């Protein structure tokens, strides 16, 4: 009888990135592979947006890389992403900021806990409940070119005014968020986590559900 040796070959398959699917009340109803979830009939899922500011009160505005599957080349807010199943939303923001922008975020605050939008470009739909955070970038920004085509710091008041009067082209979600954000986001009081959709609430705030 021949002994069978364990397979010592390294697993070269990349880990799948899962997104949390939601019902109309914001409750988790399952997961889906991020690589396949965005299409003409994208199901409602959980996401986040973040606006990063520097020590001078300027906001970081980014352009999505031109080879991204959704909304390539569009200028938008500092960072967007999706929490993984069971991942706290604020920790997902910090993780994504590190991955995408190479910096860390401090004074992270929830400002729009129930923001929701649907948008379409070139037949691909975004359909998200997307709580919005603001924070301060700690350290230089070194953006991942596979995610970010360009980035720059801009006066928040000038950026906000241009978005609101329509002279600045930005993503559908960024425009809607700027319309709802306070005039001075850095001075805004943090919204309670209990106001998040059920799937995103930490246990201490009465969530999250699976």
Protein backbone atom coordinates (compact mmCIF):
# COMPACT_ATOMS: atom_id res chain seq x y z
CA UNK A 1 0.00 0.00 0.00
CA UNK A 2 1.32 3.43 -0.92
CA UNK A 3 1.22 6.16 1.66
CA UNK A 4 -0.73 9.24 0.57
CA UNK A 5 1.10 12.47 1.28
CA UNK A 6 -0.85 15.64 2.06
CA UNK A 7 -1.08 18.17 -0.70
CA UNK A 8 1.49 20.83 0.15
CA UNK A 9 0.85 22.97 -2.90
CA UNK A 10 -0.05 26.51 -1.87
CA UNK A 11 -3.60 27.62 -2.51
CA UNK A 12 -3.29 30.19 -5.25
CA UNK A 13 -6.99 30.85 -5.58
CA UNK A 14 -7.81 34.40 -4.43
CA UNK A 15 -10.34 34.65 -1.64
CA UNK A 16 -13.78 35.67 -2.83
CA UNK A 17 -14.98 39.08 -1.65
CA UNK A 18 -18.57 38.79 -0.48
CA UNK A 19 -21.13 41.57 -0.15
CA UNK A 20 -24.13 41.54 2.18
CA UNK A 21 -27.50 41.38 0.43
CA UNK A 22 -30.40 43.31 1.99
CA UNK A 23 -34.18 43.37 2.00
CA UNK A 24 -36.15 46.61 1.72
CA UNK A 25 -35.89 47.16 5.49
CA UNK A 26 -32.09 46.89 5.45
CA UNK A 27 -31.96 43.43 6.98
CA UNK A 28 -29.35 40.93 5.80
CA UNK A 29 -30.81 38.20 3.58
CA UNK A 30 -27.65 36.53 2.31
CA UNK A 31 -24.37 37.19 0.57
CA UNK A 32 -23.10 37.34 -3.00
CA UNK A 33 -19.73 37.39 -4.73
CA UNK A 34 -18.80 41.03 -5.35
CA UNK A 35 -17.29 40.04 -8.70
CA UNK A 36 -20.69 38.92 -9.98
CA UNK A 37 -23.22 41.05 -8.07
CA UNK A 38 -23.10 44.19 -10.25
CA UNK A 39 -25.11 43.86 -13.46
CA UNK A 40 -28.32 45.15 -15.02
CA UNK A 41 -30.40 43.88 -12.09
CA UNK A 42 -28.02 44.35 -9.17
CA UNK A 43 -29.68 43.28 -5.90
CA UNK A 44 -29.86 45.70 -2.99
CA UNK A 45 -26.72 45.36 -0.86
CA UNK A 46 -24.77 47.07 1.91
CA UNK A 47 -22.01 49.55 1.17
CA UNK A 48 -20.46 52.73 2.60
CA UNK A 49 -19.02 56.04 1.46
CA UNK A 50 -16.39 58.13 3.21
CA UNK A 51 -15.28 61.76 2.88
CA UNK A 52 -11.74 62.33 4.11
CA UNK A 53 -10.46 65.75 5.17
CA UNK A 54 -6.95 67.00 5.89
CA UNK A 55 -5.73 69.31 8.64
CA UNK A 56 -6.72 72.36 6.58
CA UNK A 57 -10.30 71.21 6.16
CA UNK A 58 -9.88 70.22 2.51
CA UNK A 59 -11.72 67.17 1.17
CA UNK A 60 -10.03 64.39 -0.80
CA UNK A 61 -11.77 63.96 -4.16
CA UNK A 62 -10.92 60.86 -6.22
CA UNK A 63 -11.40 59.64 -9.75
CA UNK A 64 -12.33 56.00 -10.11
CA UNK A 65 -9.84 53.97 -12.16
CA UNK A 66 -10.82 53.65 -15.80
CA UNK A 67 -10.90 49.85 -15.71
CA UNK A 68 -13.25 49.49 -12.74
CA UNK A 69 -16.36 47.43 -13.45
CA UNK A 70 -18.76 50.13 -12.22
CA UNK A 71 -18.64 53.83 -13.04
CA UNK A 72 -15.07 53.85 -14.41
CA UNK A 73 -13.34 57.23 -14.64
CA UNK A 74 -16.00 59.07 -12.62
CA UNK A 75 -14.97 61.66 -10.03
CA UNK A 76 -16.45 61.04 -6.62
CA UNK A 77 -15.93 61.15 -2.87
CA UNK A 78 -12.77 59.96 -1.13
CA UNK A 79 -13.53 56.26 -0.72
CA UNK A 80 -16.33 53.72 -1.18
CA UNK A 81 -16.58 50.04 -0.41
CA UNK A 82 -18.52 47.11 0.97
CA UNK A 83 -18.31 45.52 4.43
CA UNK A 84 -17.83 41.79 4.50
CA UNK A 85 -20.30 39.50 6.28
CA UNK A 86 -20.00 40.14 10.02
CA UNK A 87 -17.58 43.05 9.56
CA UNK A 88 -18.35 46.23 11.51
CA UNK A 89 -19.07 49.07 9.13
CA UNK A 90 -16.57 51.50 10.71
CA UNK A 91 -13.86 48.85 10.55
CA UNK A 92 -14.70 48.25 6.88
CA UNK A 93 -14.21 51.97 6.22
CA UNK A 94 -10.81 51.94 7.91
CA UNK A 95 -9.79 48.81 6.03
CA UNK A 96 -10.81 50.18 2.67
CA UNK A 97 -9.11 53.52 3.26
CA UNK A 98 -5.85 51.68 4.00
CA UNK A 99 -6.21 49.42 0.96
CA UNK A 100 -7.35 52.01 -1.55
CA UNK A 101 -5.64 55.20 -0.36
CA UNK A 102 -2.69 53.95 1.69
CA UNK A 103 -3.53 56.12 4.67
CA UNK A 104 -5.35 55.83 7.98
CA UNK A 105 -8.45 57.65 9.16
CA UNK A 106 -9.03 59.28 12.54
CA UNK A 107 -12.09 60.95 14.04
CA UNK A 108 -14.32 58.73 11.92
CA UNK A 109 -17.98 59.71 12.32
CA UNK A 110 -21.23 58.44 10.89
CA UNK A 111 -23.21 61.32 9.34
CA UNK A 112 -25.80 59.80 6.96
CA UNK A 113 -26.76 56.43 8.45
CA UNK A 114 -29.57 55.56 6.02
CA UNK A 115 -28.37 56.97 2.70
CA UNK A 116 -29.66 54.89 -0.21
CA UNK A 117 -29.37 55.25 -3.97
CA UNK A 118 -29.69 53.47 -7.26
CA UNK A 119 -27.67 54.48 -10.34
CA UNK A 120 -26.88 53.07 -13.75
CA UNK A 121 -24.03 53.50 -16.21
CA UNK A 122 -23.50 51.54 -19.43
CA UNK A 123 -26.08 48.96 -18.37
CA UNK A 124 -24.48 48.28 -14.96
CA UNK A 125 -26.53 49.19 -11.89
CA UNK A 126 -25.45 50.21 -8.40
CA UNK A 127 -28.17 49.51 -5.83
CA UNK A 128 -27.02 50.18 -2.29
CA UNK A 129 -27.89 51.22 1.20
CA UNK A 130 -24.73 53.19 1.73
CA UNK A 131 -24.15 54.92 5.10
CA UNK A 132 -21.85 57.92 4.82
CA UNK A 133 -18.90 58.71 7.09
CA UNK A 134 -16.53 61.64 7.46
CA UNK A 135 -13.05 61.48 8.93
CA UNK A 136 -9.55 62.92 8.92
CA UNK A 137 -6.72 61.39 6.91
CA UNK A 138 -3.67 60.69 9.06
CA UNK A 139 -0.57 60.58 6.88
CA UNK A 140 0.09 60.92 3.15
CA UNK A 141 -2.20 59.43 0.54
CA UNK A 142 -0.66 56.80 -1.74
CA UNK A 143 -3.55 55.62 -3.86
CA UNK A 144 -3.81 52.16 -5.41
CA UNK A 145 -3.82 52.82 -9.19
CA UNK A 146 -6.07 49.82 -9.82
CA UNK A 147 -8.75 51.60 -7.79
CA UNK A 148 -7.99 55.31 -8.11
CA UNK A 149 -7.07 57.05 -11.35
CA UNK A 150 -6.38 60.45 -9.78
CA UNK A 151 -6.92 62.25 -6.49
CA UNK A 152 -6.62 65.74 -5.09
CA UNK A 153 -7.40 67.87 -2.07
CA UNK A 154 -10.01 70.59 -2.63
CA UNK A 155 -11.72 73.26 -0.59
CA UNK A 156 -14.88 71.66 0.76
CA UNK A 157 -16.90 74.85 0.33
CA UNK A 158 -15.82 75.23 -3.31
CA UNK A 159 -16.38 71.55 -4.06
CA UNK A 160 -19.79 71.56 -2.39
CA UNK A 161 -20.91 74.70 -4.22
CA UNK A 162 -19.83 73.32 -7.60
CA UNK A 163 -21.58 70.01 -7.02
CA UNK A 164 -24.78 71.73 -5.90
CA UNK A 165 -24.91 74.14 -8.83
CA UNK A 166 -24.19 71.34 -11.32
CA UNK A 167 -20.90 72.75 -12.63
CA UNK A 168 -18.89 69.89 -11.14
CA UNK A 169 -19.49 66.43 -12.60
CA UNK A 170 -19.39 63.73 -9.94
CA UNK A 171 -20.94 60.32 -9.37
CA UNK A 172 -24.68 60.05 -8.85
CA UNK A 173 -24.21 59.00 -5.24
CA UNK A 174 -21.69 61.75 -4.49
CA UNK A 175 -24.07 64.42 -5.75
CA UNK A 176 -26.95 63.06 -3.67
CA UNK A 177 -24.71 62.77 -0.61
CA UNK A 178 -23.39 66.32 -0.90
CA UNK A 179 -26.99 67.54 -1.12
CA UNK A 180 -27.71 65.83 2.22
CA UNK A 181 -24.43 66.47 4.05
CA UNK A 182 -24.26 69.45 6.42
CA UNK A 183 -22.56 72.62 5.24
CA UNK A 184 -19.64 71.84 7.56
CA UNK A 185 -19.33 68.03 7.84
CA UNK A 186 -16.37 68.26 10.22
CA UNK A 187 -18.55 70.06 12.75
CA UNK A 188 -21.45 67.64 12.41
CA UNK A 189 -22.56 65.60 15.38
CA UNK A 190 -22.14 61.87 14.82
CA UNK A 191 -25.36 60.01 14.13
CA UNK A 192 -26.17 57.11 16.50
CA UNK A 193 -25.30 53.65 15.26
CA UNK A 194 -28.84 52.60 16.12
CA UNK A 195 -29.92 54.60 13.06
CA UNK A 196 -27.97 52.30 10.72
CA UNK A 197 -29.86 49.67 8.71
CA UNK A 198 -30.31 46.52 10.83
CA UNK A 199 -27.64 44.58 8.92
CA UNK A 200 -25.02 47.20 9.78
CA UNK A 201 -25.82 47.79 13.44
CA UNK A 202 -23.31 46.50 16.00
CA UNK A 203 -24.71 44.22 18.73
CA UNK A 204 -24.58 47.10 21.23
CA UNK A 205 -27.00 49.06 19.01
CA UNK A 206 -29.46 46.26 18.44
CA UNK A 207 -27.88 44.44 15.46
CA UNK A 208 -26.57 43.04 13.33
CA UNK A 209 -28.87 40.48 11.83
CA UNK A 210 -27.91 37.71 9.41
